[in-house]
Amino acid sequence: MEMQQKPIQELLKFSIINIDKPTGPTSFQISDFVRRSLDLNKTSHFGTLDPQVTGVLPVALNRSCRLNEYFMHRDKVYVGIMRLHKDVSDSELKKAMKSQTGEITQLPPLRSSVKRAERVREVKKFEIIEREGKDVLFIAEVEAGTYIRRICDDIGKEIGGAHMLELRRTRASIFGEKDSIDLYKFEQAVEEYKKGNENLLRNILIPAESCILKVMSSVQVKKSSIKQLLTGKPLMKVDIQEVLPEEEIFAIFNNNQFLAIMKKSDEKDIIARPEFVFN
């Protein structure tokens, strides 16, 4: 589905910026910096990074903040350095790393903002990229909410000690490192925008509609139904032009116009109810 070019003010109401977070500031501070720089009502980030962790931090603008739950709970990829506390063979290290893949049980750290209760998370990959003595460069692909530092500590318990030295997030959901922009480029784009040149800013604003289409199926609805659907009306069979997708959650569009995110319903005449309406 080809997105039409929107006026920049429309984009600022419903877009995402993929920031390459530096070490130092909190995720909230980065999000708030974007809000203040662009004079927006609201921003939110998709997935907290500790202050010392760098990398992909998607920041939602204005109405796109409501999409948080559709992007937050998706896999993340990290590259980091783990320092071993003693000499360990590659085979012993790989064995310990393998024990921390698949489904693992973790207790969030004391300083975490989430409730401290054991929870199961899936580690799809935790592998050595290269090793120099006691420093191990690794890649980890994990379910959202997995603590990489905790994995390094648990590996250390098996091999005489280890801790995480550095960490960088290279992917969060559909947002990757190669498409992220650093704060210098963001500030440059904002400065140009305030001078009347919107090109740099336009290039870094990712329309939320295009992101929605990457994470869920969509259904085309009739033009005659648009007005009512934008007031929160449930979706009826008479409103749609095609068969519903298999997924329980899906988006509805009329051509390129995004209308709502719906959740299937098994009521008699109602086939889905809105979870988020773009009105």
C-alpha atoms as a PDB file:
ATOM      1  CA  MET A   1       0.000   0.000   0.000  1.00  0.00           C
ATOM      2  CA  GLU A   2       1.649   3.249  -1.155  1.00  0.00           C
ATOM      3  CA  MET A   3       1.458   6.080   1.387  1.00  0.00           C
ATOM      4  CA  GLN A   4       0.728   9.515  -0.040  1.00  0.00           C
ATOM      5  CA  GLN A   5       3.028  12.354   0.984  1.00  0.00           C
ATOM      6  CA  LYS A   6       1.449  14.146   3.921  1.00  0.00           C
ATOM      7  CA  PRO A   7       1.936  17.749   5.018  1.00  0.00           C
ATOM      8  CA  ILE A   8       4.711  17.888   7.637  1.00  0.00           C
ATOM      9  CA  GLN A   9       2.264  18.991  10.364  1.00  0.00           C
ATOM     10  CA  GLU A  10       0.164  15.897   9.705  1.00  0.00           C
ATOM     11  CA  LEU A  11       3.276  13.711   9.918  1.00  0.00           C
ATOM     12  CA  LEU A  12       4.222  15.240  13.254  1.00  0.00           C
ATOM     13  CA  LYS A  13       0.844  14.153  14.628  1.00  0.00           C
ATOM     14  CA  PHE A  14       1.285  10.473  13.749  1.00  0.00           C
ATOM     15  CA  SER A  15       4.878   9.393  13.170  1.00  0.00           C
ATOM     16  CA  ILE A  16       7.813   7.600  14.771  1.00  0.00           C
ATOM     17  CA  ILE A  17      11.477   8.635  14.867  1.00  0.00           C
ATOM     18  CA  ASN A  18      14.087   5.885  15.206  1.00  0.00           C
ATOM     19  CA  ILE A  19      16.706   7.471  17.482  1.00  0.00           C
ATOM     20  CA  ASP A  20      20.203   6.022  17.981  1.00  0.00           C
ATOM     21  CA  LYS A  21      20.441   6.561  21.735  1.00  0.00           C
ATOM     22  CA  PRO A  22      23.873   7.558  23.072  1.00  0.00           C
ATOM     23  CA  THR A  23      25.273   6.457  26.406  1.00  0.00           C
ATOM     24  CA  GLY A  24      24.331   8.688  29.339  1.00  0.00           C
ATOM     25  CA  PRO A  25      20.725   9.917  29.138  1.00  0.00           C
ATOM     26  CA  THR A  26      17.720   7.832  30.110  1.00  0.00           C
ATOM     27  CA  SER A  27      15.194   6.702  27.507  1.00  0.00           C
ATOM     28  CA  PHE A  28      12.669   9.118  29.007  1.00  0.00           C
ATOM     29  CA  GLN A  29      15.124  12.017  28.686  1.00  0.00           C
ATOM     30  CA  ILE A  30      15.639  11.226  24.977  1.00  0.00           C
ATOM     31  CA  SER A  31      11.887  11.004  24.406  1.00  0.00           C
ATOM     32  CA  ASP A  32      11.312  14.280  26.235  1.00  0.00           C
ATOM     33  CA  PHE A  33      14.135  15.961  24.301  1.00  0.00           C
ATOM     34  CA  VAL A  34      12.367  15.026  21.043  1.00  0.00           C
ATOM     35  CA  ARG A  35       9.071  16.392  22.431  1.00  0.00           C
ATOM     36  CA  ARG A  36      10.557  19.725  23.457  1.00  0.00           C
ATOM     37  CA  SER A  37      12.630  20.108  20.277  1.00  0.00           C
ATOM     38  CA  LEU A  38       9.571  19.687  18.057  1.00  0.00           C
ATOM     39  CA  ASP A  39       7.145  21.427  20.434  1.00  0.00           C
ATOM     40  CA  LEU A  40       4.867  18.394  20.580  1.00  0.00           C
ATOM     41  CA  ASN A  41       2.112  17.573  23.067  1.00  0.00           C
ATOM     42  CA  LYS A  42       3.410  14.087  23.776  1.00  0.00           C
ATOM     43  CA  THR A  43       6.120  11.543  22.947  1.00  0.00           C
ATOM     44  CA  SER A  44       6.852   8.045  24.217  1.00  0.00           C
ATOM     45  CA  HIS A  45       9.556   5.480  23.535  1.00  0.00           C
ATOM     46  CA  PHE A  46       9.091   1.854  22.523  1.00  0.00           C
ATOM     47  CA  GLY A  47      11.236  -0.056  25.036  1.00  0.00           C
ATOM     48  CA  THR A  48      13.477   1.290  27.805  1.00  0.00           C
ATOM     49  CA  LEU A  49      17.258   1.246  27.481  1.00  0.00           C
ATOM     50  CA  ASP A  50      19.423   1.722  30.584  1.00  0.00           C
ATOM     51  CA  PRO A  51      21.397   5.017  30.568  1.00  0.00           C
ATOM     52  CA  GLN A  52      24.687   3.265  29.727  1.00  0.00           C
ATOM     53  CA  VAL A  53      23.128   1.189  26.908  1.00  0.00           C
ATOM     54  CA  THR A  54      23.141   2.600  23.366  1.00  0.00           C
ATOM     55  CA  GLY A  55      21.242   1.891  20.172  1.00  0.00           C
ATOM     56  CA  VAL A  56      17.779   1.692  18.674  1.00  0.00           C
ATOM     57  CA  LEU A  57      15.163   3.693  20.578  1.00  0.00           C
ATOM     58  CA  PRO A  58      11.972   4.333  18.567  1.00  0.00           C
ATOM     59  CA  VAL A  59      10.191   7.478  19.770  1.00  0.00           C
ATOM     60  CA  ALA A  60       6.490   7.878  18.987  1.00  0.00           C
ATOM     61  CA  LEU A  61       5.052  11.329  18.325  1.00  0.00           C
ATOM     62  CA  ASN A  62       1.650  12.569  19.527  1.00  0.00           C
ATOM     63  CA  ARG A  63      -1.164  10.144  18.526  1.00  0.00           C
ATOM     64  CA  SER A  64       1.285   7.382  17.599  1.00  0.00           C
ATOM     65  CA  CYS A  65       2.050   7.029  21.337  1.00  0.00           C
ATOM     66  CA  ARG A  66      -1.182   5.003  21.468  1.00  0.00           C
ATOM     67  CA  LEU A  67       0.506   2.314  19.345  1.00  0.00           C
ATOM     68  CA  ASN A  68       2.976   1.451  22.089  1.00  0.00           C
ATOM     69  CA  GLU A  69       1.591  -1.989  22.942  1.00  0.00           C
ATOM     70  CA  TYR A  70       1.635  -3.133  19.302  1.00  0.00           C
ATOM     71  CA  PHE A  71       5.393  -2.514  19.004  1.00  0.00           C
ATOM     72  CA  MET A  72       6.804  -2.864  22.541  1.00  0.00           C
ATOM     73  CA  HIS A  73       6.209  -6.583  23.039  1.00  0.00           C
ATOM     74  CA  ARG A  74       8.319  -7.779  20.121  1.00  0.00           C
ATOM     75  CA  ASP A  75      11.750  -9.315  19.836  1.00  0.00           C
ATOM     76  CA  LYS A  76      14.901  -7.276  20.405  1.00  0.00           C
ATOM     77  CA  VAL A  77      18.453  -7.851  19.141  1.00  0.00           C
ATOM     78  CA  TYR A  78      21.535  -6.754  21.076  1.00  0.00           C
ATOM     79  CA  VAL A  79      25.286  -6.802  20.543  1.00  0.00           C
ATOM     80  CA  GLY A  80      27.437  -6.568  23.651  1.00  0.00           C
ATOM     81  CA  ILE A  81      30.671  -7.381  25.436  1.00  0.00           C
ATOM     82  CA  MET A  82      30.749  -9.829  28.326  1.00  0.00           C
ATOM     83  CA  ARG A  83      33.871  -9.920  30.490  1.00  0.00           C
ATOM     84  CA  LEU A  84      34.810 -13.272  32.007  1.00  0.00           C
ATOM     85  CA  HIS A  85      36.350 -13.300  35.489  1.00  0.00           C
ATOM     86  CA  LYS A  86      38.677 -16.241  34.815  1.00  0.00           C
ATOM     87  CA  ASP A  87      40.135 -18.188  31.899  1.00  0.00           C
ATOM     88  CA  VAL A  88      37.504 -20.465  30.371  1.00  0.00           C
ATOM     89  CA  SER A  89      37.700 -22.620  27.244  1.00  0.00           C
ATOM     90  CA  ASP A  90      35.482 -21.793  24.259  1.00  0.00           C
ATOM     91  CA  SER A  91      33.655 -25.098  24.629  1.00  0.00           C
ATOM     92  CA  GLU A  92      32.896 -24.469  28.322  1.00  0.00           C
ATOM     93  CA  LEU A  93      31.743 -20.931  27.532  1.00  0.00           C
ATOM     94  CA  LYS A  94      29.501 -22.062  24.661  1.00  0.00           C
ATOM     95  CA  LYS A  95      27.967 -24.723  26.894  1.00  0.00           C
ATOM     96  CA  ALA A  96      27.121 -22.098  29.542  1.00  0.00           C
ATOM     97  CA  MET A  97      25.698 -19.745  26.889  1.00  0.00           C
ATOM     98  CA  LYS A  98      23.564 -22.553  25.469  1.00  0.00           C
ATOM     99  CA  SER A  99      22.070 -23.121  28.926  1.00  0.00           C
ATOM    100  CA  GLN A 100      20.748 -19.557  28.740  1.00  0.00           C
ATOM    101  CA  THR A 101      18.947 -20.004  25.413  1.00  0.00           C
ATOM    102  CA  GLY A 102      15.404 -21.190  24.843  1.00  0.00           C
ATOM    103  CA  GLU A 103      12.933 -20.508  27.645  1.00  0.00           C
ATOM    104  CA  ILE A 104      14.634 -19.129  30.754  1.00  0.00           C
ATOM    105  CA  THR A 105      13.313 -17.840  34.074  1.00  0.00           C
ATOM    106  CA  GLN A 106      14.456 -14.407  35.212  1.00  0.00           C
ATOM    107  CA  LEU A 107      13.941 -12.222  38.259  1.00  0.00           C
ATOM    108  CA  PRO A 108      14.043  -8.509  37.316  1.00  0.00           C
ATOM    109  CA  PRO A 109      16.918  -6.585  38.976  1.00  0.00           C
ATOM    110  CA  LEU A 110      16.297  -4.595  42.170  1.00  0.00           C
ATOM    111  CA  ARG A 111      16.487  -1.234  40.383  1.00  0.00           C
ATOM    112  CA  SER A 112      13.995  -2.305  37.725  1.00  0.00           C
ATOM    113  CA  SER A 113      10.697  -0.406  37.463  1.00  0.00           C
ATOM    114  CA  VAL A 114       8.711  -3.630  36.959  1.00  0.00           C
ATOM    115  CA  LYS A 115       7.344  -5.892  39.681  1.00  0.00           C
ATOM    116  CA  ARG A 116      10.018  -8.235  41.058  1.00  0.00           C
ATOM    117  CA  ALA A 117       8.517 -11.607  40.270  1.00  0.00           C
ATOM    118  CA  GLU A 118      10.028 -14.486  38.342  1.00  0.00           C
ATOM    119  CA  ARG A 119       8.994 -14.596  34.694  1.00  0.00           C
ATOM    120  CA  VAL A 120       9.734 -16.774  31.708  1.00  0.00           C
ATOM    121  CA  ARG A 121      11.382 -15.227  28.654  1.00  0.00           C
ATOM    122  CA  GLU A 122      12.579 -16.749  25.393  1.00  0.00           C
ATOM    123  CA  VAL A 123      16.191 -16.273  24.305  1.00  0.00           C
ATOM    124  CA  LYS A 124      16.274 -17.173  20.620  1.00  0.00           C
ATOM    125  CA  LYS A 125      19.984 -16.604  20.184  1.00  0.00           C
ATOM    126  CA  PHE A 126      22.957 -15.939  22.447  1.00  0.00           C
ATOM    127  CA  GLU A 127      26.161 -16.525  20.506  1.00  0.00           C
ATOM    128  CA  ILE A 128      29.816 -15.504  20.345  1.00  0.00           C
ATOM    129  CA  ILE A 129      30.743 -13.145  17.496  1.00  0.00           C
ATOM    130  CA  GLU A 130      34.393 -13.017  18.509  1.00  0.00           C
ATOM    131  CA  ARG A 131      36.536 -13.386  21.592  1.00  0.00           C
ATOM    132  CA  GLU A 132      39.690 -11.711  22.821  1.00  0.00           C
ATOM    133  CA  GLY A 133      40.920 -13.314  26.036  1.00  0.00           C
ATOM    134  CA  LYS A 134      38.329 -12.659  28.741  1.00  0.00           C
ATOM    135  CA  ASP A 135      36.289 -10.238  26.611  1.00  0.00           C
ATOM    136  CA  VAL A 136      33.513 -11.861  24.583  1.00  0.00           C
ATOM    137  CA  LEU A 137      31.635  -9.992  21.851  1.00  0.00           C
ATOM    138  CA  PHE A 138      28.184 -11.561  21.600  1.00  0.00           C
ATOM    139  CA  ILE A 139      24.875 -11.216  19.780  1.00  0.00           C
ATOM    140  CA  ALA A 140      21.557 -11.880  21.529  1.00  0.00           C
ATOM    141  CA  GLU A 141      18.077 -12.129  20.054  1.00  0.00           C
ATOM    142  CA  VAL A 142      15.514 -12.131  22.835  1.00  0.00           C
ATOM    143  CA  GLU A 143      11.878 -11.738  23.707  1.00  0.00           C
ATOM    144  CA  ALA A 144      10.924  -8.260  24.930  1.00  0.00           C
ATOM    145  CA  GLY A 145      11.517  -7.809  28.650  1.00  0.00           C
ATOM    146  CA  THR A 146      14.626 -10.020  28.795  1.00  0.00           C
ATOM    147  CA  TYR A 147      17.512  -8.711  30.898  1.00  0.00           C
ATOM    148  CA  ILE A 148      20.821  -9.243  29.078  1.00  0.00           C
ATOM    149  CA  ARG A 149      22.874  -8.225  32.110  1.00  0.00           C
ATOM    150  CA  ARG A 150      21.118 -10.935  34.103  1.00  0.00           C
ATOM    151  CA  ILE A 151      21.948 -13.530  31.422  1.00  0.00           C
ATOM    152  CA  CYS A 152      25.631 -12.566  31.609  1.00  0.00           C
ATOM    153  CA  ASP A 153      25.538 -12.885  35.420  1.00  0.00           C
ATOM    154  CA  ASP A 154      23.855 -16.291  35.203  1.00  0.00           C
ATOM    155  CA  ILE A 155      26.435 -17.508  32.675  1.00  0.00           C
ATOM    156  CA  GLY A 156      29.085 -16.325  35.123  1.00  0.00           C
ATOM    157  CA  LYS A 157      27.624 -18.500  37.864  1.00  0.00           C
ATOM    158  CA  GLU A 158      28.412 -21.543  35.719  1.00  0.00           C
ATOM    159  CA  ILE A 159      31.958 -20.598  34.707  1.00  0.00           C
ATOM    160  CA  GLY A 160      33.439 -18.750  37.682  1.00  0.00           C
ATOM    161  CA  GLY A 161      32.085 -15.272  37.109  1.00  0.00           C
ATOM    162  CA  ALA A 162      31.158 -12.905  34.259  1.00  0.00           C
ATOM    163  CA  HIS A 163      29.538  -9.521  33.836  1.00  0.00           C
ATOM    164  CA  MET A 164      28.245  -7.374  31.000  1.00  0.00           C
ATOM    165  CA  LEU A 165      30.687  -4.647  29.998  1.00  0.00           C
ATOM    166  CA  GLU A 166      28.894  -2.939  27.115  1.00  0.00           C
ATOM    167  CA  LEU A 167      25.545  -3.304  25.348  1.00  0.00           C
ATOM    168  CA  ARG A 168      23.977  -1.911  22.197  1.00  0.00           C
ATOM    169  CA  ARG A 169      20.479  -2.588  20.851  1.00  0.00           C
ATOM    170  CA  THR A 170      20.567  -3.127  17.094  1.00  0.00           C
ATOM    171  CA  ARG A 171      16.889  -3.944  16.562  1.00  0.00           C
ATOM    172  CA  ALA A 172      13.639  -3.290  18.422  1.00  0.00           C
ATOM    173  CA  SER A 173      10.581  -4.794  16.748  1.00  0.00           C
ATOM    174  CA  ILE A 174      10.643  -3.588  13.109  1.00  0.00           C
ATOM    175  CA  PHE A 175      13.117  -0.768  13.839  1.00  0.00           C
ATOM    176  CA  GLY A 176      16.753  -1.442  12.946  1.00  0.00           C
ATOM    177  CA  GLU A 177      20.127   0.158  13.575  1.00  0.00           C
ATOM    178  CA  LYS A 178      20.770   1.035   9.915  1.00  0.00           C
ATOM    179  CA  ASP A 179      17.639   3.236   9.836  1.00  0.00           C
ATOM    180  CA  SER A 180      18.310   5.029  13.137  1.00  0.00           C
ATOM    181  CA  ILE A 181      19.581   8.605  13.435  1.00  0.00           C
ATOM    182  CA  ASP A 182      21.834  10.088  16.091  1.00  0.00           C
ATOM    183  CA  LEU A 183      20.913  13.133  18.139  1.00  0.00           C
ATOM    184  CA  TYR A 184      23.239  15.387  16.142  1.00  0.00           C
ATOM    185  CA  LYS A 185      21.363  14.587  12.903  1.00  0.00           C
ATOM    186  CA  PHE A 186      18.040  14.969  14.692  1.00  0.00           C
ATOM    187  CA  GLU A 187      19.003  18.423  16.008  1.00  0.00           C
ATOM    188  CA  GLN A 188      20.248  19.388  12.550  1.00  0.00           C
ATOM    189  CA  ALA A 189      16.908  18.375  11.010  1.00  0.00           C
ATOM    190  CA  VAL A 190      14.960  20.347  13.634  1.00  0.00           C
ATOM    191  CA  GLU A 191      17.152  23.418  13.114  1.00  0.00           C
ATOM    192  CA  GLU A 192      16.574  23.305   9.342  1.00  0.00           C
ATOM    193  CA  TYR A 193      12.834  22.780   9.876  1.00  0.00           C
ATOM    194  CA  LYS A 194      12.640  25.883  12.064  1.00  0.00           C
ATOM    195  CA  LYS A 195      14.367  27.823   9.276  1.00  0.00           C
ATOM    196  CA  GLY A 196      11.685  26.702   6.836  1.00  0.00           C
ATOM    197  CA  ASN A 197      13.394  23.672   5.244  1.00  0.00           C
ATOM    198  CA  GLU A 198      11.414  20.542   6.138  1.00  0.00           C
ATOM    199  CA  ASN A 199      13.313  18.042   3.950  1.00  0.00           C
ATOM    200  CA  LEU A 200      15.717  16.666   6.577  1.00  0.00           C
ATOM    201  CA  LEU A 201      12.958  16.272   9.163  1.00  0.00           C
ATOM    202  CA  ARG A 202      10.589  14.682   6.646  1.00  0.00           C
ATOM    203  CA  ASN A 203      13.269  12.091   5.850  1.00  0.00           C
ATOM    204  CA  ILE A 204      13.482  10.920   9.463  1.00  0.00           C
ATOM    205  CA  LEU A 205       9.746  10.874  10.253  1.00  0.00           C
ATOM    206  CA  ILE A 206       8.389   7.347   9.737  1.00  0.00           C
ATOM    207  CA  PRO A 207       4.617   7.490   9.077  1.00  0.00           C
ATOM    208  CA  ALA A 208       2.875   5.400  11.721  1.00  0.00           C
ATOM    209  CA  GLU A 209       0.585   3.883   9.070  1.00  0.00           C
ATOM    210  CA  SER A 210       3.544   2.247   7.314  1.00  0.00           C
ATOM    211  CA  CYS A 211       4.735   0.823  10.643  1.00  0.00           C
ATOM    212  CA  ILE A 212       1.276  -0.578  11.402  1.00  0.00           C
ATOM    213  CA  LEU A 213       1.258  -2.396   8.062  1.00  0.00           C
ATOM    214  CA  LYS A 214       4.547  -4.104   8.994  1.00  0.00           C
ATOM    215  CA  VAL A 215       3.278  -5.549  12.266  1.00  0.00           C
ATOM    216  CA  MET A 216      -0.306  -6.533  11.476  1.00  0.00           C
ATOM    217  CA  SER A 217      -2.679  -7.449   8.657  1.00  0.00           C
ATOM    218  CA  SER A 218      -5.057  -4.886   7.228  1.00  0.00           C
ATOM    219  CA  VAL A 219      -8.544  -4.851   5.733  1.00  0.00           C
ATOM    220  CA  GLN A 220     -10.022  -2.383   3.267  1.00  0.00           C
ATOM    221  CA  VAL A 221     -13.369  -0.879   4.250  1.00  0.00           C
ATOM    222  CA  LYS A 222     -15.970   0.888   2.144  1.00  0.00           C
ATOM    223  CA  LYS A 223     -15.806   4.644   1.686  1.00  0.00           C
ATOM    224  CA  SER A 224     -19.407   4.937   2.869  1.00  0.00           C
ATOM    225  CA  SER A 225     -18.399   3.482   6.269  1.00  0.00           C
ATOM    226  CA  ILE A 226     -15.472   5.837   7.004  1.00  0.00           C
ATOM    227  CA  LYS A 227     -17.352   8.527   8.899  1.00  0.00           C
ATOM    228  CA  GLN A 228     -19.059   6.128  11.313  1.00  0.00           C
ATOM    229  CA  LEU A 229     -15.963   3.986  11.844  1.00  0.00           C
ATOM    230  CA  LEU A 230     -14.012   7.105  12.828  1.00  0.00           C
ATOM    231  CA  THR A 231     -16.547   7.719  15.607  1.00  0.00           C
ATOM    232  CA  GLY A 232     -15.776   4.286  17.101  1.00  0.00           C
ATOM    233  CA  LYS A 233     -18.554   2.249  15.490  1.00  0.00           C
ATOM    234  CA  PRO A 234     -17.997  -1.544  15.633  1.00  0.00           C
ATOM    235  CA  LEU A 235     -17.044  -3.212  12.345  1.00  0.00           C
ATOM    236  CA  MET A 236     -19.847  -5.035  10.512  1.00  0.00           C
ATOM    237  CA  LYS A 237     -19.641  -7.372   7.533  1.00  0.00           C
ATOM    238  CA  VAL A 238     -21.346  -4.731   5.437  1.00  0.00           C
ATOM    239  CA  ASP A 239     -18.406  -2.349   6.067  1.00  0.00           C
ATOM    240  CA  ILE A 240     -15.647  -4.460   4.555  1.00  0.00           C
ATOM    241  CA  GLN A 241     -14.593  -5.121   0.988  1.00  0.00           C
ATOM    242  CA  GLU A 242     -12.603  -8.323   1.596  1.00  0.00           C
ATOM    243  CA  VAL A 243     -12.222 -11.340   3.847  1.00  0.00           C
ATOM    244  CA  LEU A 244     -10.986 -10.800   7.402  1.00  0.00           C
ATOM    245  CA  PRO A 245      -7.413 -11.926   8.189  1.00  0.00           C
ATOM    246  CA  GLU A 246      -6.777 -14.867  10.508  1.00  0.00           C
ATOM    247  CA  GLU A 247      -5.192 -12.667  13.180  1.00  0.00           C
ATOM    248  CA  GLU A 248      -7.350 -11.446  16.062  1.00  0.00           C
ATOM    249  CA  ILE A 249      -5.931  -7.899  15.861  1.00  0.00           C
ATOM    250  CA  PHE A 250      -5.869  -6.079  12.511  1.00  0.00           C
ATOM    251  CA  ALA A 251      -5.953  -2.598  11.015  1.00  0.00           C
ATOM    252  CA  ILE A 252      -8.627  -1.088   8.787  1.00  0.00           C
ATOM    253  CA  PHE A 253      -7.917   1.296   5.917  1.00  0.00           C
ATOM    254  CA  ASN A 254      -9.783   2.944   3.096  1.00  0.00           C
ATOM    255  CA  ASN A 255      -7.190   3.036   0.332  1.00  0.00           C
ATOM    256  CA  ASN A 256      -4.231   4.780   2.062  1.00  0.00           C
ATOM    257  CA  GLN A 257      -6.259   6.286   4.895  1.00  0.00           C
ATOM    258  CA  PHE A 258      -5.726   4.531   8.235  1.00  0.00           C
ATOM    259  CA  LEU A 259      -8.900   4.414  10.317  1.00  0.00           C
ATOM    260  CA  ALA A 260      -8.499   2.098  13.295  1.00  0.00           C
ATOM    261  CA  ILE A 261      -7.038  -1.000  14.892  1.00  0.00           C
ATOM    262  CA  MET A 262      -9.712  -3.601  15.503  1.00  0.00           C
ATOM    263  CA  LYS A 263     -10.096  -6.736  17.611  1.00  0.00           C
ATOM    264  CA  LYS A 264     -12.290  -9.562  16.355  1.00  0.00           C
ATOM    265  CA  SER A 265     -15.620 -10.162  18.048  1.00  0.00           C
ATOM    266  CA  ASP A 266     -17.925 -13.170  17.835  1.00  0.00           C
ATOM    267  CA  GLU A 267     -21.106 -11.171  18.410  1.00  0.00           C
ATOM    268  CA  LYS A 268     -23.981 -11.790  16.044  1.00  0.00           C
ATOM    269  CA  ASP A 269     -23.654  -8.863  13.621  1.00  0.00           C
ATOM    270  CA  ILE A 270     -20.424  -7.320  14.900  1.00  0.00           C
ATOM    271  CA  ILE A 271     -17.246  -8.838  13.472  1.00  0.00           C
ATOM    272  CA  ALA A 272     -14.767  -6.570  15.322  1.00  0.00           C
ATOM    273  CA  ARG A 273     -14.591  -3.758  17.841  1.00  0.00           C
ATOM    274  CA  PRO A 274     -12.106  -0.860  17.815  1.00  0.00           C
ATOM    275  CA  GLU A 275      -9.076  -0.839  20.112  1.00  0.00           C
ATOM    276  CA  PHE A 276      -7.676   2.405  18.710  1.00  0.00           C
ATOM    277  CA  VAL A 277      -9.468   4.853  16.425  1.00  0.00           C
ATOM    278  CA  PHE A 278      -7.560   7.514  14.511  1.00  0.00           C
ATOM    279  CA  ASN A 279      -9.942  10.431  14.949  1.00  0.00           C
END
